[in-house]
PDB file of N, CA and C in Angstrom:
ATOM      1  N   MET A   1     123.351  87.789  56.308  1.00  0.00           N
ATOM      2  CA  MET A   1     122.571  87.418  57.190  1.00  0.00           C
ATOM      3  C   MET A   1     123.120  87.965  58.562  1.00  0.00           C
ATOM      4  N   THR A   2     122.099  88.688  59.330  1.00  0.00           N
ATOM      5  CA  THR A   2     122.688  89.269  60.537  1.00  0.00           C
ATOM      6  C   THR A   2     122.572  88.382  61.708  1.00  0.00           C
ATOM      7  N   GLU A   3     123.275  88.602  62.724  1.00  0.00           N
ATOM      8  CA  GLU A   3     123.155  87.750  64.013  1.00  0.00           C
ATOM      9  C   GLU A   3     122.100  88.366  64.873  1.00  0.00           C
ATOM     10  N   PRO A   4     121.286  87.462  65.518  1.00  0.00           N
ATOM     11  CA  PRO A   4     120.207  88.043  66.446  1.00  0.00           C
ATOM     12  C   PRO A   4     120.777  88.536  67.655  1.00  0.00           C
ATOM     13  N   HIS A   5     120.074  89.667  68.205  1.00  0.00           N
ATOM     14  CA  HIS A   5     120.416  90.312  69.366  1.00  0.00           C
ATOM     15  C   HIS A   5     120.347  89.346  70.563  1.00  0.00           C
ATOM     16  N   GLN A   6     120.752  89.595  71.611  1.00  0.00           N
ATOM     17  CA  GLN A   6     120.629  88.727  72.753  1.00  0.00           C
ATOM     18  C   GLN A   6     119.342  88.817  73.349  1.00  0.00           C
ATOM     19  N   ASP A   7     118.566  89.971  73.054  1.00  0.00           N
ATOM     20  CA  ASP A   7     117.316  90.276  73.513  1.00  0.00           C
ATOM     21  C   ASP A   7     116.251  89.514  72.621  1.00  0.00           C
ATOM     22  N   GLU A   8     116.429  89.100  71.589  1.00  0.00           N
ATOM     23  CA  GLU A   8     115.442  88.438  70.670  1.00  0.00           C
ATOM     24  C   GLU A   8     115.374  86.990  71.073  1.00  0.00           C
ATOM     25  N   GLN A   9     114.248  86.319  71.054  1.00  0.00           N
ATOM     26  CA  GLN A   9     114.259  84.908  71.337  1.00  0.00           C
ATOM     27  C   GLN A   9     114.172  84.174  70.046  1.00  0.00           C
ATOM     28  N   GLN A  10     114.815  83.037  70.035  1.00  0.00           N
ATOM     29  CA  GLN A  10     114.922  82.287  68.895  1.00  0.00           C
ATOM     30  C   GLN A  10     113.575  81.266  68.948  1.00  0.00           C
ATOM     31  N   ALA A  11     113.040  81.086  67.720  1.00  0.00           N
ATOM     32  CA  ALA A  11     111.944  80.043  67.652  1.00  0.00           C
ATOM     33  C   ALA A  11     112.432  78.633  68.072  1.00  0.00           C
ATOM     34  N   ILE A  12     111.559  77.853  68.766  1.00  0.00           N
ATOM     35  CA  ILE A  12     112.005  76.378  69.165  1.00  0.00           C
ATOM     36  C   ILE A  12     110.969  75.640  68.582  1.00  0.00           C
ATOM     37  N   GLU A  13     111.251  74.614  67.907  1.00  0.00           N
ATOM     38  CA  GLU A  13     110.509  73.682  67.188  1.00  0.00           C
ATOM     39  C   GLU A  13     110.059  72.708  68.246  1.00  0.00           C
ATOM     40  N   GLY A  14     108.634  72.279  68.182  1.00  0.00           N
ATOM     41  CA  GLY A  14     108.318  71.328  69.054  1.00  0.00           C
ATOM     42  C   GLY A  14     106.981  70.839  68.536  1.00  0.00           C
ATOM     43  N   GLU A  15     106.463  69.757  69.248  1.00  0.00           N
ATOM     44  CA  GLU A  15     105.181  69.044  69.007  1.00  0.00           C
ATOM     45  C   GLU A  15     104.198  69.313  70.168  1.00  0.00           C
ATOM     46  N   ILE A  16     102.882  69.313  69.871  1.00  0.00           N
ATOM     47  CA  ILE A  16     102.004  69.341  70.787  1.00  0.00           C
ATOM     48  C   ILE A  16     101.567  67.974  71.166  1.00  0.00           C
ATOM     49  N   VAL A  17     101.630  67.494  72.407  1.00  0.00           N
ATOM     50  CA  VAL A  17     101.348  66.133  72.973  1.00  0.00           C
ATOM     51  C   VAL A  17     100.022  66.364  73.748  1.00  0.00           C
ATOM     52  N   GLU A  18      99.040  65.331  73.329  1.00  0.00           N
ATOM     53  CA  GLU A  18      97.931  65.544  73.962  1.00  0.00           C
ATOM     54  C   GLU A  18      97.954  64.780  75.320  1.00  0.00           C
ATOM     55  N   THR A  19      97.378  65.379  76.416  1.00  0.00           N
ATOM     56  CA  THR A  19      97.355  64.674  77.778  1.00  0.00           C
ATOM     57  C   THR A  19      96.111  63.898  77.866  1.00  0.00           C
ATOM     58  N   THR A  20      96.307  62.799  78.553  1.00  0.00           N
ATOM     59  CA  THR A  20      95.132  61.932  78.853  1.00  0.00           C
ATOM     60  C   THR A  20      94.832  62.070  80.342  1.00  0.00           C
ATOM     61  N   ASP A  21      93.449  61.985  80.721  1.00  0.00           N
ATOM     62  CA  ASP A  21      93.249  61.967  82.025  1.00  0.00           C
ATOM     63  C   ASP A  21      93.468  60.723  82.742  1.00  0.00           C
ATOM     64  N   ALA A  22      94.449  60.801  83.582  1.00  0.00           N
ATOM     65  CA  ALA A  22      94.850  59.677  84.390  1.00  0.00           C
ATOM     66  C   ALA A  22      93.949  59.223  85.369  1.00  0.00           C
ATOM     67  N   PRO A  23      93.708  57.892  85.409  1.00  0.00           N
ATOM     68  CA  PRO A  23      92.575  57.422  86.546  1.00  0.00           C
ATOM     69  C   PRO A  23      93.176  57.901  87.987  1.00  0.00           C
ATOM     70  N   PRO A  24      92.048  58.038  88.730  1.00  0.00           N
ATOM     71  CA  PRO A  24      92.547  58.374  90.197  1.00  0.00           C
ATOM     72  C   PRO A  24      93.289  57.118  90.744  1.00  0.00           C
ATOM     73  N   PRO A  25      94.313  57.455  91.791  1.00  0.00           N
ATOM     74  CA  PRO A  25      94.864  56.318  92.325  1.00  0.00           C
ATOM     75  C   PRO A  25      94.092  55.446  93.069  1.00  0.00           C
ATOM     76  N   VAL A  26      94.450  54.124  93.086  1.00  0.00           N
ATOM     77  CA  VAL A  26      93.554  53.039  93.551  1.00  0.00           C
ATOM     78  C   VAL A  26      93.935  53.015  94.967  1.00  0.00           C
ATOM     79  N   VAL A  27      93.004  53.120  95.777  1.00  0.00           N
ATOM     80  CA  VAL A  27      93.157  53.121  97.321  1.00  0.00           C
ATOM     81  C   VAL A  27      92.614  51.752  97.684  1.00  0.00           C
ATOM     82  N   PRO A  28      93.193  50.833  98.436  1.00  0.00           N
ATOM     83  CA  PRO A  28      92.743  49.407  98.791  1.00  0.00           C
ATOM     84  C   PRO A  28      91.331  49.907  99.600  1.00  0.00           C
ATOM     85  N   ALA A  29      90.455  49.082  99.280  1.00  0.00           N
ATOM     86  CA  ALA A  29      89.048  49.350 100.039  1.00  0.00           C
ATOM     87  C   ALA A  29      89.198  48.919 101.401  1.00  0.00           C
ATOM     88  N   PHE A  30      90.129  48.133 101.878  1.00  0.00           N
ATOM     89  CA  PHE A  30      90.150  47.471 103.193  1.00  0.00           C
ATOM     90  C   PHE A  30      90.791  48.451 104.226  1.00  0.00           C
ATOM     91  N   ASP A  31      91.505  49.636 103.692  1.00  0.00           N
ATOM     92  CA  ASP A  31      92.105  50.472 104.659  1.00  0.00           C
ATOM     93  C   ASP A  31      91.040  51.343 105.339  1.00  0.00           C
ATOM     94  N   TYR A  32      90.035  51.836 104.708  1.00  0.00           N
ATOM     95  CA  TYR A  32      89.141  52.750 105.346  1.00  0.00           C
ATOM     96  C   TYR A  32      87.672  52.333 104.941  1.00  0.00           C
ATOM     97  N   THR A  33      86.924  52.669 105.907  1.00  0.00           N
ATOM     98  CA  THR A  33      85.524  52.362 105.719  1.00  0.00           C
ATOM     99  C   THR A  33      84.855  53.370 104.765  1.00  0.00           C
ATOM    100  N   ASP A  34      83.680  53.307 104.298  1.00  0.00           N
ATOM    101  CA  ASP A  34      82.831  54.161 103.521  1.00  0.00           C
ATOM    102  C   ASP A  34      82.851  55.507 104.170  1.00  0.00           C
ATOM    103  N   ASP A  35      82.938  55.523 105.510  1.00  0.00           N
ATOM    104  CA  ASP A  35      82.846  56.866 106.196  1.00  0.00           C
ATOM    105  C   ASP A  35      84.150  57.611 106.260  1.00  0.00           C
ATOM    106  N   GLY A  36      85.176  56.893 105.781  1.00  0.00           N
ATOM    107  CA  GLY A  36      86.521  57.603 105.865  1.00  0.00           C
ATOM    108  C   GLY A  36      87.337  57.106 107.145  1.00  0.00           C
ATOM    109  N   VAL A  37      86.832  56.239 107.903  1.00  0.00           N
ATOM    110  CA  VAL A  37      87.518  55.852 109.162  1.00  0.00           C
ATOM    111  C   VAL A  37      88.479  54.654 108.978  1.00  0.00           C
ATOM    112  N   PRO A  38      89.683  54.759 109.361  1.00  0.00           N
ATOM    113  CA  PRO A  38      90.627  53.572 109.163  1.00  0.00           C
ATOM    114  C   PRO A  38      90.184  52.383 109.873  1.00  0.00           C
ATOM    115  N   THR A  39      90.367  51.332 109.281  1.00  0.00           N
ATOM    116  CA  THR A  39      90.082  49.984 109.815  1.00  0.00           C
ATOM    117  C   THR A  39      91.003  49.561 110.901  1.00  0.00           C
ATOM    118  N   PHE A  40      90.673  48.737 111.741  1.00  0.00           N
ATOM    119  CA  PHE A  40      91.573  48.090 112.927  1.00  0.00           C
ATOM    120  C   PHE A  40      92.836  47.639 112.162  1.00  0.00           C
ATOM    121  N   ASP A  41      92.729  46.742 111.245  1.00  0.00           N
ATOM    122  CA  ASP A  41      93.871  46.018 110.597  1.00  0.00           C
ATOM    123  C   ASP A  41      94.867  47.175 110.055  1.00  0.00           C
ATOM    124  N   TYR A  42      94.316  48.161 109.466  1.00  0.00           N
ATOM    125  CA  TYR A  42      95.258  49.211 108.909  1.00  0.00           C
ATOM    126  C   TYR A  42      95.822  50.035 109.824  1.00  0.00           C
ATOM    127  N   VAL A  43      95.186  50.309 111.037  1.00  0.00           N
ATOM    128  CA  VAL A  43      95.930  51.005 112.114  1.00  0.00           C
ATOM    129  C   VAL A  43      97.016  50.035 112.815  1.00  0.00           C
ATOM    130  N   ARG A  44      96.739  48.835 113.035  1.00  0.00           N
ATOM    131  CA  ARG A  44      97.491  47.840 113.579  1.00  0.00           C
ATOM    132  C   ARG A  44      98.835  47.777 112.778  1.00  0.00           C
ATOM    133  N   ASP A  45      98.739  47.545 111.505  1.00  0.00           N
ATOM    134  CA  ASP A  45      99.776  47.474 110.575  1.00  0.00           C
ATOM    135  C   ASP A  45     100.695  48.648 110.715  1.00  0.00           C
ATOM    136  N   ARG A  46     100.079  49.920 110.592  1.00  0.00           N
ATOM    137  CA  ARG A  46     100.894  51.010 110.688  1.00  0.00           C
ATOM    138  C   ARG A  46     101.613  51.128 111.946  1.00  0.00           C
ATOM    139  N   ILE A  47     101.004  50.630 113.233  1.00  0.00           N
ATOM    140  CA  ILE A  47     101.738  50.801 114.419  1.00  0.00           C
ATOM    141  C   ILE A  47     102.781  49.721 114.524  1.00  0.00           C
ATOM    142  N   GLU A  48     102.556  48.519 113.940  1.00  0.00           N
ATOM    143  CA  GLU A  48     103.710  47.405 113.863  1.00  0.00           C
ATOM    144  C   GLU A  48     104.793  48.035 113.015  1.00  0.00           C
ATOM    145  N   ASN A  49     104.572  48.613 111.922  1.00  0.00           N
ATOM    146  CA  ASN A  49     105.642  49.256 111.007  1.00  0.00           C
ATOM    147  C   ASN A  49     106.469  50.329 111.660  1.00  0.00           C
ATOM    148  N   ARG A  50     105.787  51.183 112.550  1.00  0.00           N
ATOM    149  CA  ARG A  50     106.475  52.197 113.282  1.00  0.00           C
ATOM    150  C   ARG A  50     107.384  51.472 114.299  1.00  0.00           C
ATOM    151  N   VAL A  51     106.850  50.586 115.094  1.00  0.00           N
ATOM    152  CA  VAL A  51     107.558  49.957 116.185  1.00  0.00           C
ATOM    153  C   VAL A  51     108.924  49.215 115.524  1.00  0.00           C
ATOM    154  N   GLY A  52     108.665  48.615 114.399  1.00  0.00           N
ATOM    155  CA  GLY A  52     109.800  47.932 113.738  1.00  0.00           C
ATOM    156  C   GLY A  52     110.875  49.104 113.291  1.00  0.00           C
ATOM    157  N   THR A  53     110.348  50.059 112.774  1.00  0.00           N
ATOM    158  CA  THR A  53     111.336  51.073 112.269  1.00  0.00           C
ATOM    159  C   THR A  53     112.062  51.665 113.589  1.00  0.00           C
ATOM    160  N   ALA A  54     111.340  51.839 114.545  1.00  0.00           N
ATOM    161  CA  ALA A  54     111.917  52.396 115.777  1.00  0.00           C
ATOM    162  C   ALA A  54     113.015  51.505 116.311  1.00  0.00           C
ATOM    163  N   SER A  55     112.705  50.181 116.403  1.00  0.00           N
ATOM    164  CA  SER A  55     113.570  49.150 116.860  1.00  0.00           C
ATOM    165  C   SER A  55     114.890  49.071 116.098  1.00  0.00           C
ATOM    166  N   ALA A  56     114.653  49.185 114.740  1.00  0.00           N
ATOM    167  CA  ALA A  56     115.832  49.140 113.844  1.00  0.00           C
ATOM    168  C   ALA A  56     116.746  50.403 114.040  1.00  0.00           C
ATOM    169  N   SER A  57     115.942  51.541 114.102  1.00  0.00           N
ATOM    170  CA  SER A  57     116.942  52.671 114.279  1.00  0.00           C
ATOM    171  C   SER A  57     117.592  52.675 115.758  1.00  0.00           C
ATOM    172  N   THR A  58     117.085  52.168 116.759  1.00  0.00           N
ATOM    173  CA  THR A  58     117.794  52.031 117.986  1.00  0.00           C
ATOM    174  C   THR A  58     119.028  51.077 117.718  1.00  0.00           C
ATOM    175  N   GLU A  59     118.896  50.061 117.129  1.00  0.00           N
ATOM    176  CA  GLU A  59     119.941  48.923 116.948  1.00  0.00           C
ATOM    177  C   GLU A  59     121.092  49.730 116.029  1.00  0.00           C
ATOM    178  N   LEU A  60     120.759  50.444 115.183  1.00  0.00           N
ATOM    179  CA  LEU A  60     121.620  50.991 114.191  1.00  0.00           C
ATOM    180  C   LEU A  60     122.315  52.287 114.896  1.00  0.00           C
ATOM    181  N   ALA A  61     121.657  52.709 115.995  1.00  0.00           N
ATOM    182  CA  ALA A  61     122.292  54.038 116.604  1.00  0.00           C
ATOM    183  C   ALA A  61     123.057  53.439 117.875  1.00  0.00           C
ATOM    184  N   GLY A  62     123.197  52.091 117.949  1.00  0.00           N
ATOM    185  CA  GLY A  62     124.081  51.487 118.923  1.00  0.00           C
ATOM    186  C   GLY A  62     123.422  51.265 120.206  1.00  0.00           C
ATOM    187  N   GLY A  63     122.207  51.390 120.375  1.00  0.00           N
ATOM    188  CA  GLY A  63     121.544  51.107 121.672  1.00  0.00           C
ATOM    189  C   GLY A  63     121.246  49.689 122.061  1.00  0.00           C
ATOM    190  N   ALA A  64     121.718  48.761 121.152  1.00  0.00           N
ATOM    191  CA  ALA A  64     121.279  47.456 121.374  1.00  0.00           C
ATOM    192  C   ALA A  64     122.651  46.584 121.312  1.00  0.00           C
ATOM    193  N   PRO A  65     122.751  45.537 121.992  1.00  0.00           N
ATOM    194  CA  PRO A  65     123.916  44.722 121.881  1.00  0.00           C
ATOM    195  C   PRO A  65     124.278  44.161 120.438  1.00  0.00           C
ATOM    196  N   GLU A  66     123.314  44.068 119.626  1.00  0.00           N
ATOM    197  CA  GLU A  66     123.378  43.514 118.291  1.00  0.00           C
ATOM    198  C   GLU A  66     124.355  44.599 117.474  1.00  0.00           C
ATOM    199  N   ALA A  67     124.432  45.858 117.869  1.00  0.00           N
ATOM    200  CA  ALA A  67     125.103  46.883 117.146  1.00  0.00           C
ATOM    201  C   ALA A  67     126.495  47.185 117.502  1.00  0.00           C
ATOM    202  N   ALA A  68     127.011  46.110 118.313  1.00  0.00           N
ATOM    203  CA  ALA A  68     128.356  46.269 118.500  1.00  0.00           C
ATOM    204  C   ALA A  68     129.174  46.241 117.318  1.00  0.00           C
ATOM    205  N   SER A  69     130.272  46.740 117.417  1.00  0.00           N
ATOM    206  CA  SER A  69     131.247  47.027 116.354  1.00  0.00           C
ATOM    207  C   SER A  69     131.786  45.590 115.826  1.00  0.00           C
ATOM    208  N   VAL A  70     132.189  45.446 114.578  1.00  0.00           N
ATOM    209  CA  VAL A  70     132.607  44.234 113.886  1.00  0.00           C
ATOM    210  C   VAL A  70     133.872  43.767 114.714  1.00  0.00           C
ATOM    211  N   ASP A  71     134.808  44.751 115.086  1.00  0.00           N
ATOM    212  CA  ASP A  71     136.025  44.477 116.032  1.00  0.00           C
ATOM    213  C   ASP A  71     135.590  43.597 117.380  1.00  0.00           C
ATOM    214  N   GLU A  72     134.603  44.222 117.946  1.00  0.00           N
ATOM    215  CA  GLU A  72     134.215  43.676 119.323  1.00  0.00           C
ATOM    216  C   GLU A  72     133.573  42.221 118.957  1.00  0.00           C
ATOM    217  N   GLN A  73     132.804  42.230 117.901  1.00  0.00           N
ATOM    218  CA  GLN A  73     132.257  41.041 117.668  1.00  0.00           C
ATOM    219  C   GLN A  73     133.200  39.805 117.294  1.00  0.00           C
ATOM    220  N   LEU A  74     134.283  40.208 116.565  1.00  0.00           N
ATOM    221  CA  LEU A  74     135.377  39.280 116.274  1.00  0.00           C
ATOM    222  C   LEU A  74     136.113  38.958 117.369  1.00  0.00           C
ATOM    223  N   ALA A  75     136.438  39.871 118.323  1.00  0.00           N
ATOM    224  CA  ALA A  75     137.185  39.537 119.539  1.00  0.00           C
ATOM    225  C   ALA A  75     136.439  38.672 120.513  1.00  0.00           C
ATOM    226  N   GLU A  76     135.187  38.865 120.624  1.00  0.00           N
ATOM    227  CA  GLU A  76     134.344  37.880 121.329  1.00  0.00           C
ATOM    228  C   GLU A  76     134.399  36.622 120.698  1.00  0.00           C
ATOM    229  N   ARG A  77     134.259  36.412 119.649  1.00  0.00           N
ATOM    230  CA  ARG A  77     134.156  35.140 118.903  1.00  0.00           C
ATOM    231  C   ARG A  77     135.611  34.352 119.054  1.00  0.00           C
ATOM    232  N   ASP A  78     136.653  35.045 118.963  1.00  0.00           N
ATOM    233  CA  ASP A  78     137.922  34.450 119.174  1.00  0.00           C
ATOM    234  C   ASP A  78     138.163  34.034 120.613  1.00  0.00           C
ATOM    235  N   ARG A  79     137.695  34.905 121.595  1.00  0.00           N
ATOM    236  CA  ARG A  79     137.764  34.486 123.013  1.00  0.00           C
ATOM    237  C   ARG A  79     136.848  33.229 123.330  1.00  0.00           C
ATOM    238  N   ALA A  80     135.732  33.273 122.746  1.00  0.00           N
ATOM    239  CA  ALA A  80     134.911  32.046 122.932  1.00  0.00           C
ATOM    240  C   ALA A  80     135.551  30.828 122.354  1.00  0.00           C
ATOM    241  N   GLY A  81     136.219  30.821 121.091  1.00  0.00           N
ATOM    242  CA  GLY A  81     136.880  29.778 120.474  1.00  0.00           C
ATOM    243  C   GLY A  81     138.001  29.346 121.211  1.00  0.00           C
ATOM    244  N   ARG A  82     138.679  30.206 121.896  1.00  0.00           N
ATOM    245  CA  ARG A  82     139.931  29.908 122.732  1.00  0.00           C
ATOM    246  C   ARG A  82     139.401  29.146 124.003  1.00  0.00           C
ATOM    247  N   ASP A  83     138.480  29.525 124.662  1.00  0.00           N
ATOM    248  CA  ASP A  83     137.948  29.125 125.782  1.00  0.00           C
ATOM    249  C   ASP A  83     137.343  27.619 125.384  1.00  0.00           C
ATOM    250  N   LYS A  84     136.708  27.293 124.351  1.00  0.00           N
ATOM    251  CA  LYS A  84     136.144  26.201 123.945  1.00  0.00           C
ATOM    252  C   LYS A  84     137.293  25.112 123.825  1.00  0.00           C
ATOM    253  N   LEU A  85     138.368  25.583 123.113  1.00  0.00           N
ATOM    254  CA  LEU A  85     139.414  24.687 122.831  1.00  0.00           C
ATOM    255  C   LEU A  85     140.177  24.363 124.044  1.00  0.00           C
ATOM    256  N   GLU A  86     140.322  25.220 125.007  1.00  0.00           N
ATOM    257  CA  GLU A  86     141.010  24.874 126.310  1.00  0.00           C
ATOM    258  C   GLU A  86     140.000  23.951 127.038  1.00  0.00           C
ATOM    259  N   GLU A  87     138.732  24.053 127.043  1.00  0.00           N
ATOM    260  CA  GLU A  87     137.949  23.036 127.607  1.00  0.00           C
ATOM    261  C   GLU A  87     137.865  21.786 127.008  1.00  0.00           C
ATOM    262  N   ILE A  88     138.162  21.632 125.673  1.00  0.00           N
ATOM    263  CA  ILE A  88     138.415  20.370 125.093  1.00  0.00           C
ATOM    264  C   ILE A  88     139.606  19.727 125.407  1.00  0.00           C
ATOM    265  N   ARG A  89     140.742  20.364 125.501  1.00  0.00           N
ATOM    266  CA  ARG A  89     142.017  19.985 125.962  1.00  0.00           C
ATOM    267  C   ARG A  89     141.946  19.490 127.278  1.00  0.00           C
ATOM    268  N   ARG A  90     141.309  20.223 128.304  1.00  0.00           N
ATOM    269  CA  ARG A  90     141.204  19.666 129.595  1.00  0.00           C
ATOM    270  C   ARG A  90     140.434  18.277 129.672  1.00  0.00           C
ATOM    271  N   ALA A  91     139.362  18.239 128.871  1.00  0.00           N
ATOM    272  CA  ALA A  91     138.704  16.990 128.856  1.00  0.00           C
ATOM    273  C   ALA A  91     139.411  15.953 128.437  1.00  0.00           C
ATOM    274  N   MET A  92     140.332  16.070 127.364  1.00  0.00           N
ATOM    275  CA  MET A  92     141.111  15.000 126.833  1.00  0.00           C
ATOM    276  C   MET A  92     142.154  14.551 127.787  1.00  0.00           C
ATOM    277  N   ARG A  93     142.815  15.477 128.683  1.00  0.00           N
ATOM    278  CA  ARG A  93     143.682  15.062 129.696  1.00  0.00           C
ATOM    279  C   ARG A  93     143.081  14.630 130.843  1.00  0.00           C
ATOM    280  N   GLY A  94     141.797  14.592 130.958  1.00  0.00           N
ATOM    281  CA  GLY A  94     140.963  13.928 132.058  1.00  0.00           C
ATOM    282  C   GLY A  94     140.976  14.854 133.233  1.00  0.00           C
ATOM    283  N   GLU A  95     141.050  16.103 133.078  1.00  0.00           N
ATOM    284  CA  GLU A  95     140.838  16.994 134.271  1.00  0.00           C
ATOM    285  C   GLU A  95     139.487  17.307 134.620  1.00  0.00           C
TER     286      GLU A  95
END
């Protein structure tokens, strides 16, 4: 038996699979009117989603106080704890 040349293609076994016609995607009826105009609710939801995404992006980028680093948050909490403890001690001494 001789070796096939690199130029020759080897036969590949396989089976034929019949394709079925997939139904068209279901588009919710409430998003657009019959004329293709988006409804008010659909537009409002899209705008609210974009506003929420923009707000979250700003927070993640550090533009909001909530985005302070973990070390800063821990230091602030420790400071507040010490201040409260000192306030309690003063109250117990009658100051």
